[in-house]
N, C-alpha and C. Protein backbone atom coordinates (compact mmCIF):
# COMPACT_ATOMS: atom_id res chain seq x y z
N MET A 1 9.66 -34.37 -1.86
CA MET A 1 9.67 -33.27 -0.93
C MET A 1 8.58 -33.46 0.12
N ARG A 2 7.41 -33.90 -0.31
CA ARG A 2 6.29 -34.10 0.60
C ARG A 2 6.65 -35.14 1.67
N ALA A 3 7.42 -36.17 1.31
CA ALA A 3 7.80 -37.21 2.27
C ALA A 3 8.73 -36.65 3.34
N ILE A 4 9.61 -35.75 2.96
CA ILE A 4 10.58 -35.18 3.91
C ILE A 4 9.95 -34.09 4.76
N PHE A 5 9.13 -33.24 4.14
CA PHE A 5 8.50 -32.11 4.82
C PHE A 5 6.99 -32.18 4.62
N PRO A 6 6.28 -33.01 5.38
CA PRO A 6 4.86 -33.23 5.14
C PRO A 6 3.98 -32.00 5.35
N ASP A 7 4.41 -31.06 6.16
CA ASP A 7 3.58 -29.88 6.45
C ASP A 7 3.88 -28.68 5.55
N VAL A 8 4.82 -28.83 4.65
CA VAL A 8 5.21 -27.72 3.79
C VAL A 8 4.30 -27.67 2.57
N GLY A 9 3.86 -26.47 2.23
CA GLY A 9 3.07 -26.29 1.02
C GLY A 9 3.98 -26.22 -0.19
N ILE A 10 3.59 -26.87 -1.26
CA ILE A 10 4.40 -26.87 -2.48
C ILE A 10 3.69 -26.00 -3.52
N LEU A 11 4.38 -24.98 -3.97
CA LEU A 11 3.86 -24.06 -4.97
C LEU A 11 4.78 -24.17 -6.18
N CYS A 12 4.23 -24.57 -7.32
CA CYS A 12 5.03 -24.80 -8.53
C CYS A 12 5.04 -23.56 -9.42
N LEU A 13 6.21 -23.26 -9.94
CA LEU A 13 6.37 -22.19 -10.93
C LEU A 13 6.81 -22.83 -12.23
N SER A 14 6.20 -22.41 -13.34
CA SER A 14 6.53 -23.00 -14.62
C SER A 14 6.69 -21.92 -15.67
N GLN A 15 7.63 -22.13 -16.56
CA GLN A 15 7.83 -21.18 -17.65
C GLN A 15 6.72 -21.29 -18.69
N TYR A 16 6.32 -22.52 -19.02
CA TYR A 16 5.37 -22.72 -20.12
C TYR A 16 4.06 -23.37 -19.72
N GLY A 17 3.95 -23.94 -18.53
CA GLY A 17 2.70 -24.52 -18.07
C GLY A 17 2.32 -25.82 -18.76
N GLU A 18 3.27 -26.71 -18.92
CA GLU A 18 2.98 -28.00 -19.56
C GLU A 18 1.90 -28.73 -18.78
N ARG A 19 0.95 -29.29 -19.50
CA ARG A 19 -0.18 -29.96 -18.86
C ARG A 19 0.25 -31.14 -18.01
N SER A 20 1.25 -31.88 -18.46
CA SER A 20 1.70 -33.03 -17.67
C SER A 20 2.26 -32.58 -16.33
N LEU A 21 2.94 -31.44 -16.30
CA LEU A 21 3.47 -30.92 -15.04
C LEU A 21 2.35 -30.44 -14.13
N LEU A 22 1.34 -29.83 -14.72
CA LEU A 22 0.18 -29.38 -13.95
C LEU A 22 -0.50 -30.59 -13.30
N GLN A 23 -0.67 -31.67 -14.05
CA GLN A 23 -1.29 -32.88 -13.52
C GLN A 23 -0.43 -33.49 -12.40
N GLN A 24 0.88 -33.50 -12.59
CA GLN A 24 1.78 -34.03 -11.55
C GLN A 24 1.68 -33.19 -10.28
N ALA A 25 1.59 -31.88 -10.43
CA ALA A 25 1.48 -31.00 -9.27
C ALA A 25 0.19 -31.29 -8.50
N LEU A 26 -0.90 -31.50 -9.23
CA LEU A 26 -2.17 -31.83 -8.57
C LEU A 26 -2.07 -33.16 -7.82
N ARG A 27 -1.50 -34.16 -8.47
CA ARG A 27 -1.36 -35.49 -7.84
C ARG A 27 -0.45 -35.44 -6.62
N ALA A 28 0.56 -34.59 -6.67
CA ALA A 28 1.53 -34.51 -5.57
C ALA A 28 1.01 -33.69 -4.38
N GLY A 29 -0.16 -33.09 -4.54
CA GLY A 29 -0.72 -32.31 -3.44
C GLY A 29 -0.19 -30.90 -3.34
N ALA A 30 0.26 -30.35 -4.45
CA ALA A 30 0.74 -28.96 -4.46
C ALA A 30 -0.42 -28.03 -4.12
N CYS A 31 -0.08 -26.86 -3.61
CA CYS A 31 -1.12 -25.88 -3.28
C CYS A 31 -1.28 -24.84 -4.38
N GLY A 32 -0.53 -24.98 -5.46
CA GLY A 32 -0.69 -24.06 -6.57
C GLY A 32 0.28 -24.34 -7.69
N PHE A 33 -0.03 -23.78 -8.86
CA PHE A 33 0.79 -23.91 -10.06
C PHE A 33 0.69 -22.59 -10.80
N LEU A 34 1.79 -21.90 -10.95
CA LEU A 34 1.78 -20.55 -11.49
C LEU A 34 2.70 -20.43 -12.70
N LEU A 35 2.28 -19.63 -13.67
CA LEU A 35 3.13 -19.32 -14.81
C LEU A 35 3.99 -18.12 -14.46
N LYS A 36 5.30 -18.25 -14.65
CA LYS A 36 6.22 -17.16 -14.32
C LYS A 36 5.87 -15.87 -15.04
N SER A 37 5.45 -15.98 -16.30
CA SER A 37 5.16 -14.78 -17.09
C SER A 37 3.94 -14.03 -16.58
N GLU A 38 3.09 -14.69 -15.81
CA GLU A 38 1.88 -14.04 -15.31
C GLU A 38 1.99 -13.60 -13.86
N ILE A 39 2.93 -14.12 -13.12
CA ILE A 39 2.98 -13.85 -11.69
C ILE A 39 3.70 -12.54 -11.38
N ARG A 40 4.76 -12.26 -12.04
CA ARG A 40 5.54 -11.02 -11.93
C ARG A 40 5.65 -10.45 -10.52
N MET A 41 5.07 -9.30 -10.28
CA MET A 41 5.25 -8.58 -9.02
C MET A 41 4.65 -9.29 -7.81
N GLU A 42 3.60 -10.05 -8.00
CA GLU A 42 2.88 -10.53 -6.83
C GLU A 42 3.29 -11.92 -6.35
N ILE A 43 4.54 -12.29 -6.53
CA ILE A 43 4.97 -13.62 -6.09
C ILE A 43 4.78 -13.80 -4.59
N VAL A 44 5.09 -12.80 -3.79
CA VAL A 44 4.90 -12.92 -2.34
C VAL A 44 3.41 -13.07 -2.04
N SER A 45 2.59 -12.27 -2.69
CA SER A 45 1.15 -12.36 -2.49
C SER A 45 0.63 -13.74 -2.88
N ALA A 46 1.17 -14.30 -3.95
CA ALA A 46 0.74 -15.62 -4.41
C ALA A 46 1.09 -16.70 -3.40
N VAL A 47 2.27 -16.60 -2.81
CA VAL A 47 2.65 -17.59 -1.80
C VAL A 47 1.67 -17.54 -0.63
N VAL A 48 1.36 -16.35 -0.17
CA VAL A 48 0.42 -16.20 0.94
C VAL A 48 -0.95 -16.74 0.55
N GLU A 49 -1.42 -16.38 -0.61
CA GLU A 49 -2.75 -16.81 -1.07
C GLU A 49 -2.81 -18.33 -1.26
N SER A 50 -1.73 -18.94 -1.73
CA SER A 50 -1.74 -20.39 -1.96
C SER A 50 -1.94 -21.16 -0.66
N MET A 51 -1.56 -20.58 0.45
CA MET A 51 -1.76 -21.25 1.74
C MET A 51 -3.19 -21.09 2.24
N ARG A 52 -3.91 -20.14 1.70
CA ARG A 52 -5.27 -19.84 2.14
C ARG A 52 -6.33 -20.60 1.35
N VAL A 53 -6.08 -20.84 0.06
CA VAL A 53 -7.06 -21.49 -0.81
C VAL A 53 -6.67 -22.95 -1.03
N GLY A 54 -7.51 -23.69 -1.72
CA GLY A 54 -7.20 -25.09 -2.00
C GLY A 54 -6.10 -25.26 -3.02
N PHE A 55 -6.23 -24.60 -4.17
CA PHE A 55 -5.25 -24.72 -5.25
C PHE A 55 -5.25 -23.42 -6.04
N LEU A 56 -4.12 -22.76 -6.11
CA LEU A 56 -4.00 -21.46 -6.76
C LEU A 56 -3.32 -21.59 -8.11
N VAL A 57 -3.86 -20.91 -9.12
CA VAL A 57 -3.27 -20.89 -10.45
C VAL A 57 -3.24 -19.46 -10.96
N THR A 58 -2.44 -19.25 -11.99
CA THR A 58 -2.49 -17.99 -12.72
C THR A 58 -3.56 -18.13 -13.80
N PRO A 59 -4.10 -17.01 -14.28
CA PRO A 59 -5.23 -17.08 -15.22
C PRO A 59 -4.98 -17.90 -16.48
N GLY A 60 -3.75 -17.94 -16.98
CA GLY A 60 -3.44 -18.67 -18.21
C GLY A 60 -3.61 -20.18 -18.09
N LEU A 61 -3.67 -20.68 -16.86
CA LEU A 61 -3.82 -22.13 -16.68
C LEU A 61 -5.28 -22.57 -16.59
N LEU A 62 -6.20 -21.64 -16.44
CA LEU A 62 -7.62 -22.02 -16.32
C LEU A 62 -8.13 -22.78 -17.54
N PRO A 63 -7.81 -22.36 -18.78
CA PRO A 63 -8.29 -23.13 -19.94
C PRO A 63 -7.79 -24.58 -19.94
N ALA A 64 -6.54 -24.81 -19.55
CA ALA A 64 -6.00 -26.17 -19.52
C ALA A 64 -6.75 -27.02 -18.51
N LEU A 65 -7.05 -26.45 -17.35
CA LEU A 65 -7.80 -27.20 -16.35
C LEU A 65 -9.20 -27.54 -16.85
N ARG A 66 -9.84 -26.59 -17.51
CA ARG A 66 -11.19 -26.82 -18.03
C ARG A 66 -11.19 -27.83 -19.17
N GLU A 67 -10.21 -27.72 -20.08
CA GLU A 67 -10.11 -28.66 -21.20
C GLU A 67 -9.92 -30.09 -20.72
N GLN A 68 -9.16 -30.26 -19.66
CA GLN A 68 -8.90 -31.60 -19.13
C GLN A 68 -10.03 -32.08 -18.23
N GLY A 69 -11.00 -31.21 -17.97
CA GLY A 69 -12.12 -31.58 -17.12
C GLY A 69 -11.71 -31.87 -15.68
N LEU A 70 -10.65 -31.22 -15.23
CA LEU A 70 -10.16 -31.45 -13.87
C LEU A 70 -10.96 -30.61 -12.88
N ALA A 71 -11.60 -31.29 -11.94
CA ALA A 71 -12.30 -30.60 -10.86
C ALA A 71 -11.33 -30.49 -9.70
N VAL A 72 -11.01 -29.27 -9.31
CA VAL A 72 -10.04 -29.03 -8.26
C VAL A 72 -10.72 -28.32 -7.11
N ALA A 73 -10.71 -28.94 -5.94
CA ALA A 73 -11.33 -28.34 -4.77
C ALA A 73 -10.60 -27.05 -4.39
N GLY A 74 -11.37 -26.02 -4.11
CA GLY A 74 -10.78 -24.76 -3.66
C GLY A 74 -10.00 -24.01 -4.72
N LEU A 75 -10.31 -24.26 -5.99
CA LEU A 75 -9.57 -23.61 -7.08
C LEU A 75 -9.77 -22.09 -7.03
N ALA A 76 -8.68 -21.37 -7.12
CA ALA A 76 -8.70 -19.91 -7.18
C ALA A 76 -7.63 -19.46 -8.15
N ALA A 77 -7.89 -18.36 -8.81
CA ALA A 77 -6.89 -17.78 -9.72
C ALA A 77 -6.47 -16.44 -9.16
N ILE A 78 -5.17 -16.24 -9.06
CA ILE A 78 -4.68 -14.93 -8.66
C ILE A 78 -4.80 -14.03 -9.87
N GLN A 79 -5.28 -12.84 -9.66
CA GLN A 79 -5.46 -11.91 -10.76
C GLN A 79 -4.10 -11.47 -11.29
N ALA A 80 -4.04 -11.20 -12.57
CA ALA A 80 -2.80 -10.72 -13.18
C ALA A 80 -2.44 -9.38 -12.54
N TRP A 81 -1.17 -9.22 -12.19
CA TRP A 81 -0.73 -8.00 -11.55
C TRP A 81 -0.83 -6.84 -12.54
N ALA A 82 -1.23 -5.71 -12.03
CA ALA A 82 -1.26 -4.47 -12.80
C ALA A 82 -0.86 -3.35 -11.86
N PRO A 83 -0.18 -2.34 -12.37
CA PRO A 83 0.18 -1.23 -11.47
C PRO A 83 -1.07 -0.52 -10.97
N ASN A 84 -0.95 0.04 -9.80
CA ASN A 84 -2.06 0.79 -9.22
C ASN A 84 -2.53 1.84 -10.23
N PRO A 85 -3.83 1.84 -10.56
CA PRO A 85 -4.32 2.77 -11.58
C PRO A 85 -4.25 4.24 -11.17
N ARG A 86 -3.99 4.50 -9.89
CA ARG A 86 -3.86 5.90 -9.45
C ARG A 86 -2.51 6.51 -9.82
N LEU A 87 -1.56 5.66 -10.24
CA LEU A 87 -0.23 6.17 -10.60
C LEU A 87 -0.18 6.51 -12.08
N SER A 88 0.09 7.76 -12.38
CA SER A 88 0.24 8.17 -13.77
C SER A 88 1.51 7.53 -14.33
N PRO A 89 1.67 7.51 -15.65
CA PRO A 89 2.91 6.94 -16.21
C PRO A 89 4.18 7.59 -15.65
N GLN A 90 4.14 8.89 -15.42
CA GLN A 90 5.33 9.56 -14.89
C GLN A 90 5.59 9.18 -13.44
N LEU A 91 4.52 9.10 -12.62
CA LEU A 91 4.71 8.66 -11.24
C LEU A 91 5.20 7.22 -11.19
N LEU A 92 4.70 6.40 -12.09
CA LEU A 92 5.14 5.01 -12.16
C LEU A 92 6.62 4.92 -12.53
N GLN A 93 7.05 5.76 -13.45
CA GLN A 93 8.48 5.80 -13.83
C GLN A 93 9.35 6.19 -12.65
N VAL A 94 8.95 7.23 -11.93
CA VAL A 94 9.72 7.70 -10.79
C VAL A 94 9.77 6.62 -9.71
N PHE A 95 8.62 6.00 -9.43
CA PHE A 95 8.57 4.93 -8.44
C PHE A 95 9.49 3.78 -8.84
N THR A 96 9.44 3.38 -10.09
CA THR A 96 10.25 2.26 -10.57
C THR A 96 11.73 2.55 -10.37
N LEU A 97 12.17 3.74 -10.74
CA LEU A 97 13.59 4.08 -10.60
C LEU A 97 14.01 4.20 -9.14
N ARG A 98 13.17 4.87 -8.34
CA ARG A 98 13.55 5.14 -6.95
C ARG A 98 13.42 3.90 -6.07
N ILE A 99 12.33 3.16 -6.19
CA ILE A 99 12.06 2.06 -5.26
C ILE A 99 12.49 0.72 -5.83
N LEU A 100 12.08 0.41 -7.04
CA LEU A 100 12.41 -0.91 -7.59
C LEU A 100 13.87 -1.02 -8.00
N TYR A 101 14.43 0.06 -8.57
CA TYR A 101 15.83 0.02 -8.99
C TYR A 101 16.77 0.61 -7.96
N GLY A 102 16.24 1.23 -6.91
CA GLY A 102 17.06 1.75 -5.82
C GLY A 102 17.89 2.97 -6.16
N MET A 103 17.48 3.73 -7.15
CA MET A 103 18.24 4.93 -7.51
C MET A 103 17.98 6.04 -6.50
N SER A 104 18.96 6.88 -6.31
CA SER A 104 18.78 8.07 -5.48
C SER A 104 17.95 9.08 -6.28
N ALA A 105 17.45 10.10 -5.61
CA ALA A 105 16.68 11.13 -6.30
C ALA A 105 17.50 11.81 -7.40
N PRO A 106 18.77 12.18 -7.15
CA PRO A 106 19.55 12.78 -8.23
C PRO A 106 19.77 11.84 -9.42
N GLN A 107 19.98 10.54 -9.15
CA GLN A 107 20.16 9.58 -10.24
C GLN A 107 18.87 9.45 -11.06
N ALA A 108 17.74 9.30 -10.38
CA ALA A 108 16.46 9.18 -11.08
C ALA A 108 16.16 10.47 -11.85
N ALA A 109 16.49 11.60 -11.25
CA ALA A 109 16.25 12.89 -11.90
C ALA A 109 17.07 12.99 -13.19
N ALA A 110 18.32 12.58 -13.14
CA ALA A 110 19.16 12.62 -14.34
C ALA A 110 18.59 11.70 -15.43
N GLU A 111 18.14 10.53 -15.03
CA GLU A 111 17.58 9.57 -15.99
C GLU A 111 16.31 10.12 -16.66
N LEU A 112 15.49 10.84 -15.88
CA LEU A 112 14.21 11.32 -16.39
C LEU A 112 14.25 12.78 -16.85
N HIS A 113 15.43 13.40 -16.74
CA HIS A 113 15.59 14.81 -17.13
C HIS A 113 14.67 15.71 -16.32
N LEU A 114 14.70 15.48 -15.00
CA LEU A 114 13.92 16.28 -14.05
C LEU A 114 14.86 16.81 -12.98
N ALA A 115 14.39 17.74 -12.20
CA ALA A 115 15.15 18.21 -11.05
C ALA A 115 14.98 17.20 -9.92
N PRO A 116 16.02 17.00 -9.10
CA PRO A 116 15.88 16.08 -7.96
C PRO A 116 14.71 16.43 -7.04
N ALA A 117 14.46 17.72 -6.86
CA ALA A 117 13.33 18.13 -6.01
C ALA A 117 12.00 17.69 -6.62
N THR A 118 11.92 17.68 -7.95
CA THR A 118 10.71 17.22 -8.62
C THR A 118 10.52 15.72 -8.40
N VAL A 119 11.59 14.97 -8.46
CA VAL A 119 11.52 13.53 -8.20
C VAL A 119 11.01 13.29 -6.78
N GLU A 120 11.54 14.00 -5.81
CA GLU A 120 11.09 13.84 -4.43
C GLU A 120 9.62 14.24 -4.28
N LYS A 121 9.22 15.29 -4.95
CA LYS A 121 7.81 15.73 -4.91
C LYS A 121 6.92 14.63 -5.50
N TYR A 122 7.34 14.06 -6.61
CA TYR A 122 6.57 12.97 -7.24
C TYR A 122 6.48 11.77 -6.30
N MET A 123 7.58 11.48 -5.59
CA MET A 123 7.55 10.35 -4.66
C MET A 123 6.55 10.61 -3.53
N GLN A 124 6.42 11.84 -3.11
CA GLN A 124 5.41 12.16 -2.09
C GLN A 124 4.00 11.89 -2.64
N TYR A 125 3.78 12.22 -3.91
CA TYR A 125 2.49 11.91 -4.55
C TYR A 125 2.28 10.40 -4.61
N VAL A 126 3.34 9.67 -4.93
CA VAL A 126 3.25 8.20 -5.00
C VAL A 126 2.85 7.65 -3.64
N TYR A 127 3.53 8.07 -2.58
CA TYR A 127 3.21 7.58 -1.24
C TYR A 127 1.76 7.88 -0.89
N GLN A 128 1.32 9.07 -1.25
CA GLN A 128 -0.06 9.49 -0.97
C GLN A 128 -1.05 8.60 -1.72
N LYS A 129 -0.80 8.37 -3.00
CA LYS A 129 -1.71 7.57 -3.81
C LYS A 129 -1.70 6.10 -3.41
N LEU A 130 -0.54 5.58 -3.02
CA LEU A 130 -0.46 4.18 -2.62
C LEU A 130 -1.02 3.93 -1.23
N SER A 131 -1.23 4.99 -0.45
CA SER A 131 -1.81 4.79 0.89
C SER A 131 -3.31 4.58 0.82
N ILE A 132 -3.93 4.90 -0.31
CA ILE A 132 -5.37 4.70 -0.49
C ILE A 132 -5.61 3.24 -0.84
N ARG A 133 -6.56 2.62 -0.19
CA ARG A 133 -6.84 1.19 -0.35
C ARG A 133 -7.06 0.84 -1.82
N TRP A 134 -6.31 -0.17 -2.27
CA TRP A 134 -6.46 -0.73 -3.62
C TRP A 134 -5.84 -2.10 -3.64
N GLY A 135 -6.42 -3.00 -4.35
CA GLY A 135 -5.82 -4.33 -4.46
C GLY A 135 -6.22 -5.25 -3.32
N ALA A 136 -5.60 -6.39 -3.28
CA ALA A 136 -5.89 -7.45 -2.31
C ALA A 136 -5.17 -7.17 -0.99
N GLU A 137 -5.73 -6.27 -0.21
CA GLU A 137 -5.10 -5.83 1.04
C GLU A 137 -4.94 -6.96 2.06
N HIS A 138 -5.71 -8.03 1.94
CA HIS A 138 -5.59 -9.12 2.92
C HIS A 138 -4.20 -9.77 2.88
N TYR A 139 -3.44 -9.57 1.79
CA TYR A 139 -2.08 -10.10 1.73
C TYR A 139 -1.16 -9.40 2.73
N LEU A 140 -1.59 -8.26 3.23
CA LEU A 140 -0.77 -7.50 4.16
C LEU A 140 -1.06 -7.87 5.61
N ALA A 141 -1.89 -8.89 5.84
CA ALA A 141 -2.23 -9.30 7.21
C ALA A 141 -0.96 -9.57 8.00
N GLY A 142 -0.88 -8.99 9.16
CA GLY A 142 0.28 -9.21 10.02
C GLY A 142 1.45 -8.28 9.74
N VAL A 143 1.36 -7.48 8.70
CA VAL A 143 2.44 -6.54 8.38
C VAL A 143 2.09 -5.20 9.02
N ASP A 144 2.95 -4.71 9.88
CA ASP A 144 2.75 -3.41 10.53
C ASP A 144 3.28 -2.33 9.60
N LEU A 145 2.42 -1.82 8.73
CA LEU A 145 2.85 -0.82 7.76
C LEU A 145 3.29 0.47 8.44
N ALA A 146 2.68 0.79 9.58
CA ALA A 146 3.02 2.04 10.27
C ALA A 146 4.47 2.04 10.74
N GLY A 147 5.03 0.87 10.99
CA GLY A 147 6.41 0.79 11.47
C GLY A 147 7.44 0.72 10.37
N LEU A 148 7.02 0.77 9.11
CA LEU A 148 7.95 0.64 7.99
C LEU A 148 8.32 2.00 7.41
N PRO A 149 9.51 2.11 6.83
CA PRO A 149 9.85 3.34 6.10
C PRO A 149 8.87 3.51 4.93
N PRO A 150 8.60 4.75 4.51
CA PRO A 150 7.62 4.99 3.45
C PRO A 150 7.89 4.21 2.16
N GLU A 151 9.17 4.06 1.79
CA GLU A 151 9.47 3.35 0.54
C GLU A 151 9.16 1.86 0.64
N VAL A 152 9.33 1.27 1.83
CA VAL A 152 9.01 -0.15 2.01
C VAL A 152 7.50 -0.35 2.04
N GLU A 153 6.80 0.53 2.74
CA GLU A 153 5.33 0.47 2.73
C GLU A 153 4.80 0.62 1.31
N ALA A 154 5.35 1.58 0.57
CA ALA A 154 4.90 1.80 -0.81
C ALA A 154 5.15 0.56 -1.67
N PHE A 155 6.30 -0.09 -1.48
CA PHE A 155 6.57 -1.30 -2.25
C PHE A 155 5.54 -2.38 -1.94
N HIS A 156 5.24 -2.58 -0.65
CA HIS A 156 4.24 -3.59 -0.28
C HIS A 156 2.90 -3.30 -0.95
N ARG A 157 2.47 -2.07 -0.89
CA ARG A 157 1.18 -1.72 -1.50
C ARG A 157 1.23 -1.80 -3.03
N PHE A 158 2.36 -1.41 -3.60
CA PHE A 158 2.52 -1.43 -5.06
C PHE A 158 2.45 -2.85 -5.61
N SER A 159 3.00 -3.80 -4.88
CA SER A 159 3.09 -5.17 -5.39
C SER A 159 1.81 -5.98 -5.18
N LEU A 160 0.79 -5.40 -4.57
CA LEU A 160 -0.47 -6.12 -4.38
C LEU A 160 -1.17 -6.37 -5.70
N PRO A 161 -1.69 -7.57 -5.89
CA PRO A 161 -2.51 -7.81 -7.08
C PRO A 161 -3.93 -7.34 -6.82
N PRO A 162 -4.76 -7.26 -7.85
CA PRO A 162 -6.19 -7.03 -7.61
C PRO A 162 -6.76 -8.18 -6.77
N GLU A 163 -7.95 -8.02 -6.28
CA GLU A 163 -8.59 -9.06 -5.47
C GLU A 163 -8.64 -10.38 -6.20
N THR A 164 -8.44 -11.49 -5.48
CA THR A 164 -8.53 -12.83 -6.04
C THR A 164 -9.98 -13.29 -5.94
N THR A 165 -10.46 -13.90 -7.01
CA THR A 165 -11.83 -14.38 -7.05
C THR A 165 -11.86 -15.91 -6.95
N PRO A 166 -12.56 -16.48 -5.93
CA PRO A 166 -12.68 -17.93 -5.87
C PRO A 166 -13.43 -18.45 -7.09
N LEU A 167 -13.00 -19.59 -7.63
CA LEU A 167 -13.59 -20.13 -8.84
C LEU A 167 -14.41 -21.38 -8.63
N ALA A 168 -14.22 -22.08 -7.52
CA ALA A 168 -14.92 -23.34 -7.34
C ALA A 168 -15.87 -23.29 -6.17
């Protein structure tokens, strides 16, 4: 791939993180190696971050790198995704049904045994809580949040991982 597209960044995703594959990715000049089980919501954020740092990994790969004594320039680990701590379990449920699963307010209300108006009220709380700065906001560079519908803006903010910490 590097021979055909020399300017393209290669970001590897692996189910199990085999060490031989990690070593091949490093030799091939990849910009990151991520475990699927750890990346979850922040895949878009990880792609952006991999272009900014030298080599991006998920936290589960750090022990393998250390055990092998591999010194990697610009090594950074993307933090494991976690839902915004400002969202209560019920707000998180409503958000998941309405935004991630695309249910209408009446559908989500039926699923949660709530009134549709309550679901809409909860979504207003979600929008309010997600508008407060949290997570790695630099992933939103160039995104005009003001021009987006509230549900799209909320999704962008919801999918942010915590801040990434440089390791090398």
